[in-house]
Amino acid sequence: MGRLLITFYLYERGYLEYPILYLSDFFERYRNEYYDLLLGVSQQDSWEEWLRYFIGGVAEQSKAAEETGHRILALEKRYRQQLQKEAVSAPVLQLMDMLFLNPFVSLPGVSDYLKITWPTAKASVERLVKLGILREVSGRKRGRIYCAEELLDIVAEG
């Protein structure tokens, strides 16, 4: 809870434009040091070492978040160029934008969110599947779920 509150505190104070700092990743990677330094604070009042470690973690995770953001923007630009080259319809472009809010979509979700008919949603999803931007991941005949896996991979790495 504290890690989340730190991120929201930095966001609220204007140090982060968006609350996307994921400190837990840093603490998990350096778990032994994390616990040793926490113990040092509680047993020996070693705040300086803890603060150096913590600030180093904020810096490292900030760089990682920035790199992830740049990769996502580059992917969005590449997709947009690809779709413009293919001269796709407006709903297909809107669906591509929707993927950057949530890389998982369903036909009812696309239809509702974009306020388009079921056939238009289906055609838009099928177009992105054909172009390799979406892939069906549920394995079902009905209620299929599609994923923008390349986008999800970037988010998962970051």
Protein backbone atom coordinates (compact mmCIF):
# COMPACT_ATOMS: atom_id res chain seq x y z
CA MET A 1 0.00 0.00 0.00
CA GLY A 2 2.84 2.35 0.82
CA ARG A 3 4.41 1.89 -2.61
CA LEU A 4 1.16 2.87 -4.27
CA LEU A 5 0.73 5.85 -1.98
CA ILE A 6 4.24 7.05 -2.83
CA THR A 7 3.40 7.00 -6.53
CA PHE A 8 0.15 8.88 -5.94
CA TYR A 9 1.93 11.37 -3.68
CA LEU A 10 4.52 12.11 -6.38
CA TYR A 11 1.71 12.46 -8.93
CA GLU A 12 -0.34 14.75 -6.68
CA ARG A 13 2.70 16.97 -6.05
CA GLY A 14 3.31 17.32 -9.79
CA TYR A 15 6.51 15.27 -9.95
CA LEU A 16 4.80 12.73 -12.19
CA GLU A 17 2.58 13.69 -15.11
CA TYR A 18 0.77 10.34 -14.79
CA PRO A 19 0.74 7.90 -11.84
CA ILE A 20 2.68 5.21 -13.74
CA LEU A 21 5.68 4.67 -11.47
CA TYR A 22 5.80 0.99 -10.53
CA LEU A 23 8.16 0.81 -7.55
CA SER A 24 7.29 -2.76 -6.61
CA ASP A 25 9.21 -4.05 -9.61
CA PHE A 26 12.40 -2.43 -8.31
CA PHE A 27 11.86 -3.65 -4.76
CA GLU A 28 11.19 -7.21 -5.93
CA ARG A 29 14.33 -7.29 -8.10
CA TYR A 30 16.44 -6.10 -5.18
CA ARG A 31 14.44 -7.83 -2.48
CA ASN A 32 17.33 -8.77 -0.17
CA GLU A 33 18.72 -5.23 -0.18
CA TYR A 34 15.22 -3.88 0.38
CA TYR A 35 14.70 -5.96 3.53
CA ASP A 36 18.23 -5.37 4.80
CA LEU A 37 17.85 -1.61 4.47
CA LEU A 38 14.39 -1.62 6.08
CA LEU A 39 15.82 -3.59 8.96
CA GLY A 40 18.66 -1.06 9.18
CA VAL A 41 16.15 1.76 9.51
CA SER A 42 14.20 0.03 12.28
CA GLN A 43 17.22 -1.27 14.21
CA GLN A 44 19.91 1.35 13.58
CA ASP A 45 18.03 4.40 12.34
CA SER A 46 19.91 4.13 9.00
CA TRP A 47 17.68 6.49 7.06
CA GLU A 48 20.39 7.84 4.75
CA GLU A 49 21.12 4.42 3.24
CA TRP A 50 17.43 3.71 2.86
CA LEU A 51 16.78 7.05 1.16
CA ARG A 52 19.68 6.53 -1.29
CA TYR A 53 18.31 3.12 -2.17
CA PHE A 54 14.76 4.41 -2.49
CA ILE A 55 15.69 7.43 -4.61
CA GLY A 56 17.80 5.16 -6.82
CA GLY A 57 14.72 2.98 -7.26
CA VAL A 58 12.55 5.95 -8.19
CA ALA A 59 15.15 7.05 -10.76
CA GLU A 60 15.50 3.55 -12.24
CA GLN A 61 11.76 2.97 -12.46
CA SER A 62 11.22 6.44 -13.91
CA LYS A 63 13.66 5.66 -16.72
CA ALA A 64 11.94 2.33 -17.33
CA ALA A 65 8.51 4.01 -17.47
CA GLU A 66 9.82 6.63 -19.90
CA GLU A 67 11.34 3.98 -22.16
CA THR A 68 8.11 1.99 -22.09
CA GLY A 69 6.15 5.11 -22.98
CA HIS A 70 8.43 5.83 -25.93
CA ARG A 71 8.06 2.26 -27.18
CA ILE A 72 4.27 2.46 -26.91
CA LEU A 73 4.20 5.76 -28.80
CA ALA A 74 6.46 4.33 -31.51
CA LEU A 75 4.17 1.31 -31.86
CA GLU A 76 1.11 3.56 -32.09
CA LYS A 77 2.82 5.63 -34.80
CA ARG A 78 3.77 2.50 -36.74
CA TYR A 79 0.22 1.13 -36.51
CA ARG A 80 -1.27 4.46 -37.58
CA GLN A 81 1.06 4.65 -40.60
CA GLN A 82 0.24 1.06 -41.52
CA LEU A 83 -3.50 1.71 -41.28
CA GLN A 84 -3.27 4.91 -43.28
CA LYS A 85 -1.28 3.09 -45.96
CA GLU A 86 -4.01 0.43 -46.05
CA ALA A 87 -6.66 3.18 -46.27
CA VAL A 88 -8.81 1.63 -43.55
CA SER A 89 -12.17 3.00 -42.44
CA ALA A 90 -12.62 5.41 -39.54
CA PRO A 91 -13.95 2.69 -37.18
CA VAL A 92 -10.76 0.66 -37.71
CA LEU A 93 -8.65 3.71 -36.75
CA GLN A 94 -10.88 4.28 -33.72
CA LEU A 95 -10.48 0.64 -32.73
CA MET A 96 -6.71 0.99 -32.96
CA ASP A 97 -6.92 3.98 -30.61
CA MET A 98 -9.12 1.92 -28.28
CA LEU A 99 -6.41 -0.75 -28.05
CA PHE A 100 -4.05 1.75 -26.44
CA LEU A 101 -6.54 2.12 -23.59
CA ASN A 102 -6.95 -1.65 -23.22
CA PRO A 103 -5.15 -4.19 -25.40
CA PHE A 104 -7.97 -6.73 -24.89
CA VAL A 105 -11.24 -6.29 -26.76
CA SER A 106 -14.43 -8.17 -27.53
CA LEU A 107 -16.97 -7.50 -30.26
CA PRO A 108 -19.66 -6.28 -27.81
CA GLY A 109 -17.07 -4.06 -26.12
CA VAL A 110 -15.94 -2.56 -29.44
CA SER A 111 -19.52 -2.02 -30.55
CA ASP A 112 -20.51 -0.34 -27.27
CA TYR A 113 -17.37 1.76 -26.80
CA LEU A 114 -17.18 3.04 -30.38
CA LYS A 115 -20.99 3.25 -30.69
CA ILE A 116 -20.97 1.29 -33.93
CA THR A 117 -23.09 -1.59 -35.16
CA TRP A 118 -22.17 -5.19 -34.49
CA PRO A 119 -21.30 -5.86 -38.19
CA THR A 120 -19.06 -2.77 -38.29
CA ALA A 121 -17.34 -3.83 -35.06
CA LYS A 122 -16.84 -7.35 -36.43
CA ALA A 123 -15.43 -6.04 -39.73
CA SER A 124 -13.10 -3.66 -37.88
CA VAL A 125 -11.77 -6.38 -35.59
CA GLU A 126 -11.33 -8.77 -38.52
CA ARG A 127 -9.39 -6.11 -40.41
CA LEU A 128 -6.95 -5.67 -37.51
CA VAL A 129 -6.64 -9.45 -37.20
CA LYS A 130 -5.81 -9.69 -40.91
CA LEU A 131 -3.17 -6.95 -40.51
CA GLY A 132 -1.60 -8.77 -37.55
CA ILE A 133 -2.43 -6.09 -34.98
CA LEU A 134 -5.02 -8.19 -33.16
CA ARG A 135 -5.13 -11.90 -32.44
CA GLU A 136 -7.99 -14.00 -31.12
CA VAL A 137 -6.86 -15.37 -27.76
CA SER A 138 -9.91 -16.97 -26.14
CA GLY A 139 -10.27 -19.97 -28.46
CA ARG A 140 -14.06 -19.73 -28.25
CA LYS A 141 -16.67 -19.70 -31.00
CA ARG A 142 -18.79 -17.10 -29.16
CA GLY A 143 -17.70 -14.31 -26.86
CA ARG A 144 -14.25 -14.16 -28.40
CA ILE A 145 -11.54 -12.04 -26.88
CA TYR A 146 -8.90 -10.39 -29.03
CA CYS A 147 -5.54 -9.04 -27.93
CA ALA A 148 -3.02 -6.55 -29.29
CA GLU A 149 -0.17 -8.80 -28.19
CA GLU A 150 2.66 -6.57 -29.38
CA LEU A 151 1.33 -3.76 -27.22
CA LEU A 152 0.74 -6.07 -24.28
CA ASP A 153 4.32 -7.37 -24.57
CA ILE A 154 5.69 -3.84 -24.31
CA VAL A 155 3.56 -3.07 -21.26
CA ALA A 156 4.50 -6.39 -19.62
CA GLU A 157 8.22 -5.80 -20.18
CA GLY A 158 8.03 -2.27 -18.77
